[in-house]
Amino acid sequence: MIGHRFFLYIIISIFSIGCHSEMEQRKENKKPAENIPTIEKETKMKEENPDEFGFKAGEKPLKNPLSSSGQIMVTIVPDDTTIEGQMYRFEKKSDEWINVGKPIDINVGKNGLAWGKGGELSDNVKRGIFKKEGDGKAPAGIFTIGAAFGNATEKEMKAQGIKLPFLDVADNFYCVDDPESEHYNSIVSTDDVKKDWKSAEEMLRKDDLYDFGIFVNHNTPAKQGDGSCIIIHIWRAKGKPTHGCTAMHKDNILTLLKWIDPSQHPLLIQMTKNEYPQLKDWLDLPSLKKEVE
């Protein structure tokens, strides 16, 4: 069992993350969410911003989120309603992005992708569909990586060369997806906090989906209802969607775990094949296969 002090560090520094098993979006307020444009709003925004992003052609960001990163995982799906795609890994060598290994087959949310919150790109997304709790969509954007977790001890995982902080989950560990909870979008243990949620994800599952996983820092700091508990985890099978996470074969999860180095400030970049070229030059992103560009 993890000590209370270490556990609090995990909660504050790492596990304010973003959702796999999400609650249905609250329906009491019939007014459209402020950050989901109505038809009138979107038409006006299209006139003002022909692209989804808040920059002009040839313009560079004041601060490129990739400038301090030495490792990136680029997840591409054909469009924002498709559940299958591929993840490409890159390492920075002499200021150039070098491809690492073969593309990894992945599944995303059952309803595709929507722009996520709290990432390295979210302030620049000016229109489109934004992720909400219970929407069945994986977050698009650029996100930092949190800690790893699974059904093993940290000592065992370090012996395998895993560098990420590792949480050995027990049957009293939960990821809270109840927007009304004080612990929304956090990993908690009932040994350490009093239960105040109506919905949460069990971190020690009866199937093997969470035997190993990696937390994604989505919607951090947590904003009520913007999605929770986003994880890179083991899939049920190729073509079987998630409720909002990114899933892959167990062997590929282990490959990622052994490759990711927190000292390299790794990032998850997730979007459609049409959005990637819009950002490629702006953020100096690496080239992918011709069929993606």
Protein backbone atom coordinates (compact mmCIF):
# COMPACT_ATOMS: atom_id res chain seq x y z
CA MET A 1 0.00 0.00 0.00
CA ILE A 2 1.28 3.44 -0.86
CA GLY A 3 2.06 5.80 1.97
CA HIS A 4 -0.31 8.69 2.62
CA ARG A 5 2.32 11.30 1.88
CA PHE A 6 3.22 9.75 -1.45
CA PHE A 7 -0.44 9.33 -2.25
CA LEU A 8 -1.15 13.03 -1.69
CA TYR A 9 1.77 13.85 -3.96
CA ILE A 10 0.26 11.66 -6.64
CA ILE A 11 -3.12 13.40 -6.30
CA ILE A 12 -1.74 16.95 -6.37
CA SER A 13 1.05 16.56 -8.89
CA ILE A 14 0.10 13.80 -11.24
CA PHE A 15 -3.38 12.43 -11.09
CA SER A 16 -5.58 15.37 -11.76
CA ILE A 17 -6.31 13.76 -15.08
CA GLY A 18 -8.76 13.48 -17.54
CA CYS A 19 -12.17 9.79 -18.45
CA HIS A 20 -12.70 6.25 -19.36
CA SER A 21 -15.92 5.23 -17.67
CA GLU A 22 -17.88 8.49 -17.75
CA MET A 23 -21.25 9.56 -16.37
CA GLU A 24 -24.05 10.68 -18.65
CA GLN A 25 -24.01 14.47 -19.08
CA ARG A 26 -26.37 16.28 -16.75
CA LYS A 27 -29.65 17.26 -18.43
CA GLU A 28 -31.28 19.63 -15.95
CA ASN A 29 -30.03 22.70 -17.83
CA LYS A 30 -31.41 22.61 -21.35
CA LYS A 31 -29.39 25.61 -22.40
CA PRO A 32 -26.46 24.64 -24.71
CA ALA A 33 -23.07 24.54 -22.99
CA GLU A 34 -21.21 27.80 -23.47
CA ASN A 35 -18.23 26.23 -25.20
CA ILE A 36 -20.28 24.23 -27.73
CA PRO A 37 -21.21 26.71 -30.49
CA THR A 38 -24.78 26.99 -31.69
CA ILE A 39 -25.33 27.15 -35.47
CA GLU A 40 -25.45 30.96 -35.34
CA LYS A 41 -22.32 31.15 -33.20
CA GLU A 42 -20.39 28.72 -35.38
CA THR A 43 -21.31 30.55 -38.59
CA LYS A 44 -20.05 33.83 -37.13
CA MET A 45 -16.87 32.15 -35.87
CA LYS A 46 -16.21 30.60 -39.28
CA GLU A 47 -16.35 34.05 -40.82
CA GLU A 48 -13.91 35.41 -38.26
CA ASN A 49 -11.72 32.28 -38.04
CA PRO A 50 -11.61 30.17 -41.20
CA ASP A 51 -9.59 27.55 -39.30
CA GLU A 52 -10.36 25.90 -35.99
CA PHE A 53 -7.28 27.38 -34.40
CA GLY A 54 -6.43 30.82 -33.15
CA PHE A 55 -3.55 31.61 -35.47
CA LYS A 56 -2.99 32.94 -38.97
CA ALA A 57 -1.13 31.28 -41.84
CA GLY A 58 2.61 31.57 -41.34
CA GLU A 59 2.21 32.67 -37.73
CA LYS A 60 4.16 30.87 -34.99
CA PRO A 61 2.99 30.39 -31.38
CA LEU A 62 4.52 32.62 -28.73
CA LYS A 63 5.48 29.43 -26.91
CA ASN A 64 5.63 26.14 -28.76
CA PRO A 65 4.58 23.36 -26.35
CA LEU A 66 6.88 20.98 -28.21
CA SER A 67 10.00 23.10 -27.66
CA SER A 68 10.78 21.51 -24.29
CA SER A 69 9.71 17.98 -25.23
CA GLY A 70 12.04 15.21 -26.36
CA GLN A 71 9.38 12.53 -26.86
CA ILE A 72 5.96 12.71 -28.50
CA MET A 73 3.22 10.18 -29.21
CA VAL A 74 1.10 11.25 -32.18
CA THR A 75 -2.31 9.58 -32.38
CA ILE A 76 -4.15 10.07 -35.67
CA VAL A 77 -7.66 8.97 -36.63
CA PRO A 78 -9.24 9.50 -40.08
CA ASP A 79 -11.97 11.82 -38.78
CA ASP A 80 -13.61 12.87 -35.51
CA THR A 81 -16.19 10.06 -35.56
CA THR A 82 -13.84 7.14 -36.34
CA ILE A 83 -12.76 4.87 -33.48
CA GLU A 84 -9.64 3.27 -35.02
CA GLY A 85 -6.35 4.95 -35.72
CA GLN A 86 -2.59 4.74 -35.23
CA MET A 87 -0.05 6.11 -32.80
CA TYR A 88 3.40 7.24 -34.01
CA ARG A 89 6.34 7.69 -31.65
CA PHE A 90 9.11 10.25 -32.11
CA GLU A 91 12.28 11.27 -30.27
CA LYS A 92 14.07 14.57 -30.74
CA LYS A 93 17.67 14.23 -31.91
CA SER A 94 19.67 17.37 -32.76
CA ASP A 95 16.43 19.37 -32.99
CA GLU A 96 14.89 16.90 -35.44
CA TRP A 97 12.05 14.46 -34.78
CA ILE A 98 13.14 10.88 -35.45
CA ASN A 99 10.54 8.13 -35.85
CA VAL A 100 10.74 5.30 -33.30
CA GLY A 101 9.38 1.84 -34.13
CA LYS A 102 6.30 0.93 -36.13
CA PRO A 103 2.91 2.67 -35.85
CA ILE A 104 0.73 1.26 -33.08
CA ASP A 105 -2.91 0.40 -33.78
CA ILE A 106 -5.25 2.13 -31.34
CA ASN A 107 -8.94 2.53 -30.51
CA VAL A 108 -10.45 5.77 -29.19
CA GLY A 109 -13.85 6.75 -27.81
CA LYS A 110 -17.03 5.15 -29.14
CA ASN A 111 -18.09 8.55 -30.49
CA GLY A 112 -14.66 9.55 -31.81
CA LEU A 113 -12.81 12.70 -30.75
CA ALA A 114 -13.68 16.12 -29.33
CA TRP A 115 -11.33 18.93 -28.32
CA GLY A 116 -10.09 18.37 -24.78
CA LYS A 117 -9.47 20.89 -22.02
CA GLY A 118 -6.43 21.80 -19.98
CA GLY A 119 -3.95 20.68 -22.61
CA GLU A 120 -1.10 22.46 -24.34
CA LEU A 121 -3.34 23.44 -27.25
CA SER A 122 -6.73 24.17 -25.70
CA ASP A 123 -6.33 27.97 -25.56
CA ASN A 124 -5.81 28.04 -29.34
CA VAL A 125 -8.92 26.06 -30.31
CA LYS A 126 -11.56 28.63 -31.19
CA ARG A 127 -14.43 26.53 -32.50
CA GLY A 128 -15.62 22.96 -32.88
CA ILE A 129 -16.97 20.30 -30.52
CA PHE A 130 -15.45 20.24 -27.04
CA LYS A 131 -15.26 17.22 -24.79
CA LYS A 132 -17.84 16.82 -22.02
CA GLU A 133 -18.41 14.25 -19.30
CA GLY A 134 -20.26 11.22 -20.64
CA ASP A 135 -19.93 12.09 -24.35
CA GLY A 136 -18.05 8.91 -25.27
CA LYS A 137 -15.32 10.93 -27.00
CA ALA A 138 -11.56 10.85 -26.53
CA PRO A 139 -9.89 14.26 -26.13
CA ALA A 140 -8.13 15.82 -29.10
CA GLY A 141 -5.24 18.16 -28.41
CA ILE A 142 -1.77 18.09 -26.87
CA PHE A 143 -1.42 16.73 -23.33
CA THR A 144 1.33 15.99 -20.86
CA ILE A 145 1.70 12.49 -19.44
CA GLY A 146 1.08 11.56 -15.82
CA ALA A 147 2.15 8.44 -13.96
CA ALA A 148 1.77 4.81 -14.89
CA PHE A 149 -0.29 2.33 -12.89
CA GLY A 150 -1.16 -1.32 -12.81
CA ASN A 151 -1.40 -4.62 -11.05
CA ALA A 152 2.25 -4.79 -10.05
CA THR A 153 4.58 -3.15 -7.57
CA GLU A 154 6.68 -0.11 -8.38
CA LYS A 155 9.80 -2.14 -7.60
CA GLU A 156 8.82 -4.79 -10.14
CA MET A 157 8.16 -2.19 -12.81
CA LYS A 158 11.38 -0.28 -12.15
CA ALA A 159 13.24 -3.58 -12.56
CA GLN A 160 11.79 -3.75 -16.08
CA GLY A 161 13.23 -0.34 -16.88
CA ILE A 162 10.07 1.74 -16.44
CA LYS A 163 10.95 5.35 -15.55
CA LEU A 164 7.50 6.85 -14.95
CA PRO A 165 6.21 7.07 -11.38
CA PHE A 166 4.14 3.91 -10.88
CA LEU A 167 1.02 3.40 -8.79
CA ASP A 168 0.28 -0.13 -7.60
CA VAL A 169 -3.52 0.06 -7.47
CA ALA A 170 -5.62 -1.82 -4.94
CA ASP A 171 -9.33 -2.58 -4.74
CA ASN A 172 -9.99 0.66 -2.85
CA PHE A 173 -8.56 2.93 -5.56
CA TYR A 174 -10.99 4.87 -7.74
CA CYS A 175 -10.91 7.47 -10.48
CA VAL A 176 -13.77 9.83 -9.70
CA ASP A 177 -15.97 10.80 -12.65
CA ASP A 178 -18.77 12.45 -10.68
CA PRO A 179 -18.62 16.19 -11.53
CA GLU A 180 -20.25 17.01 -8.19
CA SER A 181 -17.46 15.38 -6.19
CA GLU A 182 -14.67 17.34 -4.55
CA HIS A 183 -12.35 14.69 -6.01
CA TYR A 184 -13.63 14.91 -9.60
CA ASN A 185 -11.00 13.85 -12.14
CA SER A 186 -8.68 12.47 -9.47
CA ILE A 187 -7.40 9.08 -8.38
CA VAL A 188 -8.22 8.49 -4.74
CA SER A 189 -8.12 5.75 -2.16
CA THR A 190 -10.93 5.32 0.34
CA ASP A 191 -8.19 4.82 2.93
CA ASP A 192 -7.31 8.48 2.45
CA VAL A 193 -10.50 10.34 1.57
CA LYS A 194 -14.15 10.16 2.51
CA LYS A 195 -16.40 9.00 -0.31
CA ASP A 196 -18.47 11.89 -1.70
CA TRP A 197 -19.12 10.58 -5.22
CA LYS A 198 -21.96 8.71 -6.89
CA SER A 199 -19.87 7.49 -9.79
CA ALA A 200 -16.24 6.39 -10.04
CA GLU A 201 -14.07 3.97 -11.97
CA GLU A 202 -12.54 1.01 -10.15
CA MET A 203 -8.81 1.03 -10.80
CA LEU A 204 -8.36 -2.66 -9.98
CA ARG A 205 -10.63 -4.21 -12.58
CA LYS A 206 -11.77 -7.81 -12.91
CA ASP A 207 -10.77 -7.83 -16.59
CA ASP A 208 -7.27 -7.04 -17.84
CA LEU A 209 -7.90 -3.55 -19.28
CA TYR A 210 -6.10 -1.85 -16.40
CA ASP A 211 -3.37 -4.41 -15.82
CA PHE A 212 -1.12 -1.62 -17.07
CA GLY A 213 -1.93 1.94 -18.05
CA ILE A 214 -0.71 5.51 -18.33
CA PHE A 215 -2.58 8.59 -17.11
CA VAL A 216 -3.09 11.53 -19.45
CA ASN A 217 -3.24 15.01 -17.94
CA HIS A 218 -6.52 16.09 -19.49
CA ASN A 219 -8.78 18.74 -17.91
CA THR A 220 -6.18 19.81 -15.37
CA PRO A 221 -6.82 21.62 -13.18
CA ALA A 222 -10.20 19.92 -13.22
CA LYS A 223 -13.18 21.92 -14.42
CA GLN A 224 -16.56 20.46 -13.53
CA GLY A 225 -18.07 18.42 -16.36
CA ASP A 226 -15.23 18.76 -18.89
CA GLY A 227 -14.28 15.07 -18.79
CA SER A 228 -12.28 12.88 -16.46
CA CYS A 229 -10.02 9.85 -16.09
CA ILE A 230 -8.41 9.81 -19.52
CA ILE A 231 -6.06 6.85 -19.69
CA ILE A 232 -3.92 4.99 -22.22
CA HIS A 233 -4.81 1.38 -21.43
CA ILE A 234 -5.16 -2.17 -22.79
CA TRP A 235 -7.89 -2.69 -25.37
CA ARG A 236 -10.64 -5.31 -25.44
CA ALA A 237 -9.77 -6.03 -29.07
CA LYS A 238 -8.90 -4.14 -32.25
CA GLY A 239 -11.93 -2.11 -33.32
CA LYS A 240 -13.57 -2.18 -29.88
CA PRO A 241 -13.99 1.45 -28.76
CA THR A 242 -13.54 2.95 -25.31
CA HIS A 243 -15.70 5.44 -23.41
CA GLY A 244 -13.12 8.18 -23.99
CA CYS A 245 -9.65 6.73 -23.50
CA THR A 246 -7.01 5.58 -25.97
CA ALA A 247 -6.53 1.80 -25.96
CA MET A 248 -4.08 -0.62 -27.57
CA HIS A 249 -2.71 -4.16 -27.33
CA LYS A 250 -1.08 -5.07 -24.03
CA ASP A 251 2.32 -5.61 -25.69
CA ASN A 252 2.21 -2.05 -27.04
CA ILE A 253 1.34 -0.62 -23.62
CA LEU A 254 4.43 -2.32 -22.22
CA THR A 255 6.50 -0.96 -25.11
CA LEU A 256 5.30 2.56 -24.30
CA LEU A 257 5.98 2.12 -20.60
CA LYS A 258 9.57 1.08 -21.26
CA TRP A 259 10.11 3.87 -23.79
CA ILE A 260 8.59 6.91 -22.06
CA ASP A 261 11.12 8.96 -20.12
CA PRO A 262 9.61 11.68 -17.89
CA SER A 263 12.85 13.67 -18.09
CA GLN A 264 12.08 14.15 -21.80
CA HIS A 265 8.73 15.83 -21.01
CA PRO A 266 6.69 13.43 -23.17
CA LEU A 267 3.49 14.64 -24.84
CA LEU A 268 0.43 12.94 -26.28
CA ILE A 269 -0.75 14.64 -29.50
CA GLN A 270 -4.17 13.42 -30.58
CA MET A 271 -6.26 14.63 -33.54
CA THR A 272 -7.65 13.83 -36.99
CA LYS A 273 -5.63 13.46 -40.18
CA ASN A 274 -7.11 16.71 -41.53
CA GLU A 275 -6.26 18.73 -38.42
CA TYR A 276 -2.65 17.53 -38.20
CA PRO A 277 -1.44 19.36 -41.36
CA GLN A 278 -3.00 22.60 -40.10
CA LEU A 279 -0.76 22.39 -37.03
CA LYS A 280 2.30 20.74 -38.57
CA ASP A 281 4.14 23.90 -39.66
CA TRP A 282 2.83 26.03 -36.82
CA LEU A 283 4.25 23.67 -34.18
CA ASP A 284 7.10 22.13 -36.22
CA LEU A 285 5.47 18.71 -35.97
CA PRO A 286 7.17 15.74 -37.64
CA SER A 287 5.99 14.32 -40.94
CA LEU A 288 3.96 11.13 -40.84
CA LYS A 289 3.26 8.62 -43.58
CA LYS A 290 2.07 10.12 -46.87
CA GLU A 291 -1.43 8.76 -46.44
CA VAL A 292 -1.82 10.77 -43.22
CA GLU A 293 -0.41 14.09 -44.42
